[in-house]
Amino acid sequence: MDDDSRKAQWERRTEVPLAVASMVYLAAYAVRILAHGLPGDWQDLCLAVLFAAWALFAVDYAVRWRLSGQRLRFVRTHWLDTLVLLLPLLRPLRVVKVYEAVQRRHGKPRLALHARVIVYAGLSTTLLGFAGALSVYQAEHTAPGATIKTFGDSVWWICATFATVGYGDVTPVTPLGRLIAVGMMAIGLALLGAVTGTFASWLLQVFAREDDERPPGI
């Protein structure tokens, strides 16, 4: 069996367990950030879960890098995987990919291309928005002069950011919070562009099909 086949087999076998680990990571992070009155033992347990899940992500990356046989080229061509390894809160996006793979593997009917793009963009926005709200809340709520003092404030700010409308009274004041904000703005623009472009393309196809079906002279 060549390296490409072994790599593909590894990815098929690990996609669901890693997706579960991604959601567990996000859940443990959320509990650690939002449950302020959590006893110290539970805080430590959440931290252990975070490190264990990240270790699984690192092992997966190392195995795929080894099986690819590409060495440094693997890092260049899989830059998104490298970024996700460094920023594990992006891992829940893997759930979207896994859903598509499971549907295809079981031969179940899939949504049309335009519908898939819109649905997956919506799921990605929800997962990234939740992770981003947690990160901004952690960085901001105890900072001097902070305007994001509650998780609700953070969710409101994320919604305004993703909608690209902004909200001047609620904004990050710490360097880390602003760095996260830059990433959220870029993601919001990309997802909004994907949904808008897909919807516009679908409308053009519908109108073109109607024109083709219209009898001549009408």
Protein backbone atom coordinates (compact mmCIF):
# COMPACT_ATOMS: atom_id res chain seq x y z
CA MET A 1 0.00 0.00 0.00
CA ASP A 2 1.51 3.37 -1.04
CA ASP A 3 1.73 6.42 1.20
CA ASP A 4 -1.23 8.18 -0.46
CA SER A 5 -3.49 5.17 0.16
CA ARG A 6 -2.29 4.87 3.75
CA LYS A 7 -2.85 8.59 4.29
CA ALA A 8 -6.37 8.40 2.85
CA GLN A 9 -7.15 5.37 4.99
CA TRP A 10 -5.87 7.15 8.09
CA GLU A 11 -8.03 10.20 7.34
CA ARG A 12 -11.14 8.05 6.84
CA ARG A 13 -10.60 6.23 10.12
CA THR A 14 -9.89 9.34 12.18
CA GLU A 15 -12.31 11.90 10.76
CA VAL A 16 -15.21 11.07 13.12
CA PRO A 17 -13.11 10.62 16.31
CA LEU A 18 -11.29 13.89 15.60
CA ALA A 19 -14.59 15.67 14.97
CA VAL A 20 -15.83 14.45 18.34
CA ALA A 21 -12.56 15.58 19.94
CA SER A 22 -13.02 18.99 18.33
CA MET A 23 -16.44 19.44 19.88
CA VAL A 24 -15.19 18.17 23.25
CA TYR A 25 -12.36 20.69 23.05
CA LEU A 26 -14.82 23.52 22.38
CA ALA A 27 -17.13 22.37 25.16
CA ALA A 28 -14.30 22.12 27.70
CA TYR A 29 -13.03 25.56 26.72
CA ALA A 30 -16.53 27.03 27.05
CA VAL A 31 -17.02 25.50 30.50
CA ARG A 32 -13.62 26.74 31.65
CA ILE A 33 -14.33 30.30 30.46
CA LEU A 34 -17.99 30.69 31.38
CA ALA A 35 -18.32 28.66 34.60
CA HIS A 36 -16.71 31.20 36.92
CA GLY A 37 -17.71 29.38 40.10
CA LEU A 38 -16.38 26.03 38.96
CA PRO A 39 -14.31 24.24 41.65
CA GLY A 40 -10.58 24.02 41.07
CA ASP A 41 -10.66 20.27 40.42
CA TRP A 42 -13.18 20.74 37.62
CA GLN A 43 -11.14 23.58 36.18
CA ASP A 44 -8.12 21.27 36.13
CA LEU A 45 -10.19 18.55 34.49
CA CYS A 46 -11.27 20.94 31.74
CA LEU A 47 -7.66 21.96 31.22
CA ALA A 48 -6.60 18.30 31.00
CA VAL A 49 -9.31 17.66 28.41
CA LEU A 50 -8.07 20.63 26.39
CA PHE A 51 -4.49 19.37 26.39
CA ALA A 52 -5.57 15.78 25.61
CA ALA A 53 -7.67 16.89 22.65
CA TRP A 54 -4.88 19.12 21.36
CA ALA A 55 -2.47 16.17 21.66
CA LEU A 56 -4.79 14.14 19.42
CA PHE A 57 -4.78 16.96 16.87
CA ALA A 58 -0.98 17.10 16.97
CA VAL A 59 -0.67 13.31 16.52
CA ASP A 60 -3.05 13.42 13.56
CA TYR A 61 -1.06 16.22 11.95
CA ALA A 62 2.24 14.39 12.52
CA VAL A 63 0.92 11.11 11.08
CA ARG A 64 -0.49 12.80 7.98
CA TRP A 65 2.76 14.71 7.54
CA ARG A 66 4.74 11.47 7.81
CA LEU A 67 2.50 9.52 5.43
CA SER A 68 2.48 12.32 2.86
CA GLY A 69 6.24 12.03 2.36
CA GLN A 70 6.29 15.73 1.47
CA ARG A 71 8.27 17.06 4.43
CA LEU A 72 8.25 20.89 4.35
CA ARG A 73 6.04 20.92 1.26
CA PHE A 74 3.25 19.40 3.37
CA VAL A 75 3.37 22.43 5.68
CA ARG A 76 3.20 24.82 2.71
CA THR A 77 0.38 23.01 0.91
CA HIS A 78 -1.57 22.33 4.12
CA TRP A 79 -1.17 25.76 5.67
CA LEU A 80 -4.77 25.73 6.91
CA ASP A 81 -4.16 22.48 8.82
CA THR A 82 -1.06 24.06 10.34
CA LEU A 83 -3.04 27.14 11.34
CA VAL A 84 -5.76 25.00 12.91
CA LEU A 85 -3.13 23.08 14.87
CA LEU A 86 -1.83 26.36 16.27
CA LEU A 87 -5.38 27.69 16.87
CA PRO A 88 -7.37 24.67 18.06
CA LEU A 89 -10.58 26.69 18.47
CA LEU A 90 -10.91 26.48 14.69
CA ARG A 91 -11.11 22.68 14.90
CA PRO A 92 -14.92 22.48 15.21
CA LEU A 93 -15.05 23.39 11.53
CA ARG A 94 -14.00 19.80 10.95
CA VAL A 95 -17.55 18.77 11.87
CA VAL A 96 -18.80 20.38 8.66
CA LYS A 97 -16.28 18.41 6.61
CA VAL A 98 -17.11 15.18 8.42
CA TYR A 99 -20.84 15.59 7.78
CA GLU A 100 -20.15 15.89 4.05
CA ALA A 101 -17.84 12.86 4.08
CA VAL A 102 -20.32 10.67 5.98
CA GLN A 103 -23.16 11.62 3.64
CA ARG A 104 -21.02 10.77 0.61
CA ARG A 105 -19.78 7.51 2.10
CA HIS A 106 -23.30 6.23 2.81
CA GLY A 107 -24.55 7.26 -0.61
CA LYS A 108 -27.17 9.57 0.83
CA PRO A 109 -28.57 12.33 -1.37
CA ARG A 110 -26.72 15.57 -0.92
CA LEU A 111 -28.03 19.09 -1.20
CA ALA A 112 -27.50 21.02 -4.40
CA LEU A 113 -24.18 22.85 -4.65
CA HIS A 114 -25.62 26.28 -3.89
CA ALA A 115 -27.60 24.98 -0.92
CA ARG A 116 -24.53 23.16 0.45
CA VAL A 117 -22.41 26.30 0.30
CA ILE A 118 -25.04 28.33 2.14
CA VAL A 119 -25.69 25.63 4.77
CA TYR A 120 -22.00 24.96 5.40
CA ALA A 121 -21.24 28.67 5.56
CA GLY A 122 -24.02 29.03 8.12
CA LEU A 123 -22.67 26.17 10.23
CA SER A 124 -19.15 27.54 9.97
CA THR A 125 -20.33 30.99 11.01
CA THR A 126 -22.12 29.56 14.06
CA LEU A 127 -19.14 27.50 15.21
CA LEU A 128 -16.56 30.20 14.56
CA GLY A 129 -18.79 32.86 16.07
CA PHE A 130 -19.19 30.90 19.29
CA ALA A 131 -15.46 30.18 19.52
CA GLY A 132 -14.64 33.81 18.72
CA ALA A 133 -17.11 35.10 21.32
CA LEU A 134 -15.49 32.89 23.95
CA SER A 135 -12.00 34.08 23.02
CA VAL A 136 -12.91 37.76 23.02
CA TYR A 137 -14.78 37.44 26.29
CA GLN A 138 -11.78 35.74 27.92
CA ALA A 139 -9.43 38.46 26.70
CA GLU A 140 -11.68 41.44 27.43
CA HIS A 141 -14.02 41.05 30.38
CA THR A 142 -11.45 41.80 33.10
CA ALA A 143 -9.46 44.43 31.17
CA PRO A 144 -9.45 48.06 32.43
CA GLY A 145 -11.93 50.13 30.44
CA ALA A 146 -13.45 47.07 28.81
CA THR A 147 -16.77 47.45 26.99
CA ILE A 148 -17.19 43.70 26.58
CA LYS A 149 -17.95 42.73 30.17
CA THR A 150 -20.36 39.81 29.71
CA PHE A 151 -20.55 36.88 27.34
CA GLY A 152 -23.74 38.44 25.96
CA ASP A 153 -21.74 41.55 25.05
CA SER A 154 -19.22 39.32 23.28
CA VAL A 155 -21.92 37.51 21.29
CA TRP A 156 -23.48 40.84 20.31
CA TRP A 157 -20.08 42.12 19.16
CA ILE A 158 -19.43 38.95 17.12
CA CYS A 159 -22.81 39.24 15.39
CA ALA A 160 -22.14 42.89 14.50
CA THR A 161 -18.65 42.00 13.27
CA PHE A 162 -19.78 39.10 11.10
CA ALA A 163 -22.52 41.29 9.65
CA THR A 164 -19.79 43.86 8.81
CA VAL A 165 -21.89 46.67 10.30
CA GLY A 166 -19.77 47.30 13.40
CA TYR A 167 -20.98 48.64 16.73
CA GLY A 168 -18.90 51.49 18.10
CA ASP A 169 -19.92 51.27 21.77
CA VAL A 170 -18.82 47.63 22.10
CA THR A 171 -15.28 47.02 20.91
CA PRO A 172 -12.15 45.18 22.09
CA VAL A 173 -9.60 47.26 24.00
CA THR A 174 -6.81 44.72 24.59
CA PRO A 175 -4.15 43.82 21.99
CA LEU A 176 -5.24 40.15 22.02
CA GLY A 177 -8.89 41.09 21.70
CA ARG A 178 -8.14 43.32 18.72
CA LEU A 179 -6.04 40.60 17.10
CA ILE A 180 -8.97 38.20 17.44
CA ALA A 181 -11.20 40.95 16.03
CA VAL A 182 -9.07 41.18 12.88
CA GLY A 183 -9.44 37.44 12.35
CA MET A 184 -13.20 37.58 12.92
CA MET A 185 -13.55 40.47 10.47
CA ALA A 186 -11.67 38.54 7.78
CA ILE A 187 -13.76 35.43 8.40
CA GLY A 188 -16.98 37.45 8.36
CA LEU A 189 -16.10 39.06 5.04
CA ALA A 190 -15.14 35.71 3.51
CA LEU A 191 -18.29 33.91 4.66
CA LEU A 192 -20.55 36.79 3.69
CA GLY A 193 -18.90 36.91 0.28
CA ALA A 194 -19.33 33.16 -0.18
CA VAL A 195 -23.03 33.23 0.71
CA THR A 196 -23.75 36.38 -1.31
CA GLY A 197 -21.86 35.12 -4.36
CA THR A 198 -23.53 31.71 -4.21
CA PHE A 199 -27.00 33.22 -3.86
CA ALA A 200 -26.35 35.60 -6.76
CA SER A 201 -25.10 32.71 -8.90
CA TRP A 202 -28.22 30.70 -8.07
CA LEU A 203 -30.46 33.61 -9.04
CA LEU A 204 -28.64 34.01 -12.36
CA GLN A 205 -29.09 30.31 -13.12
CA VAL A 206 -32.80 30.49 -12.26
CA PHE A 207 -33.37 33.53 -14.48
CA ALA A 208 -31.33 32.00 -17.32
CA ARG A 209 -33.35 28.77 -17.09
CA GLU A 210 -36.61 30.73 -17.16
CA ASP A 211 -35.43 32.64 -20.25
CA ASP A 212 -34.54 29.38 -22.00
CA GLU A 213 -37.93 27.87 -21.20
CA ARG A 214 -39.91 30.94 -22.28
CA PRO A 215 -41.56 30.55 -25.72
CA PRO A 216 -40.12 32.81 -28.46
CA GLY A 217 -41.80 36.18 -28.87
CA ILE A 218 -42.90 36.47 -25.22
